Amino acid sequence: MSTIHHPETTIEVDPDVPLVRIVREFDAPPEKVFRAHTDPELVVQWLGPRDLTMEIDHYDCRTGGSYRYLHIRGDEEYGFHGSFHEVRPGELIVQTFTFEGMPDGVALERLVLEDLGDGRTRLTATSLVDSFEDRDAFVASGMEHGVREGYERLDELLGR
């Protein structure tokens, strides 16, 4: 297993399946971390790197719901969309994720929140894609930078 370490974020690529696993702990209870992932007014404040702005087309985070948003930098726009397959408050979000620049590449994402006690939460997110090539392209796309900065922004939001 190949692992990239950051003081607070671990990103692993699985050697046996085309999967990326991200683990991060937060100084906030699961309900608060969950709300930051499901409330579009909060999502827009932290998802992605700092040099992008986010516009939400729609964001209906419930079992059977869907989403679409844009990340914008100057004249560049990057669209993303997907469906929420299972949403359990405070514990689980299962969704699809598609970058509109590569519409055939659909990831199945599973986000699990674990209550560590003392107002802390461990988030484990997995993204399963169609092939090892797609997984490696996903990792090479700069997602690591976006994940780290996004979670730093989420820390700031949760600390308010």
Foldseek 3Di string as FASTA:
>chain_A
DDWDDDPFKIWDADPPALKIKIKGKAQAALQLVQCCVQPVVNVQQFQWAPQWGKDWPDGHQAAFAKTKMWTDHVPDIKIKIWGWHHDDRSFKTWMWIATVVPRVKIWIKIWGWDGPPPRMIMIMMMTGIDDNVVSVCVVVVCVVVTVVRSVVSVNVVRVD
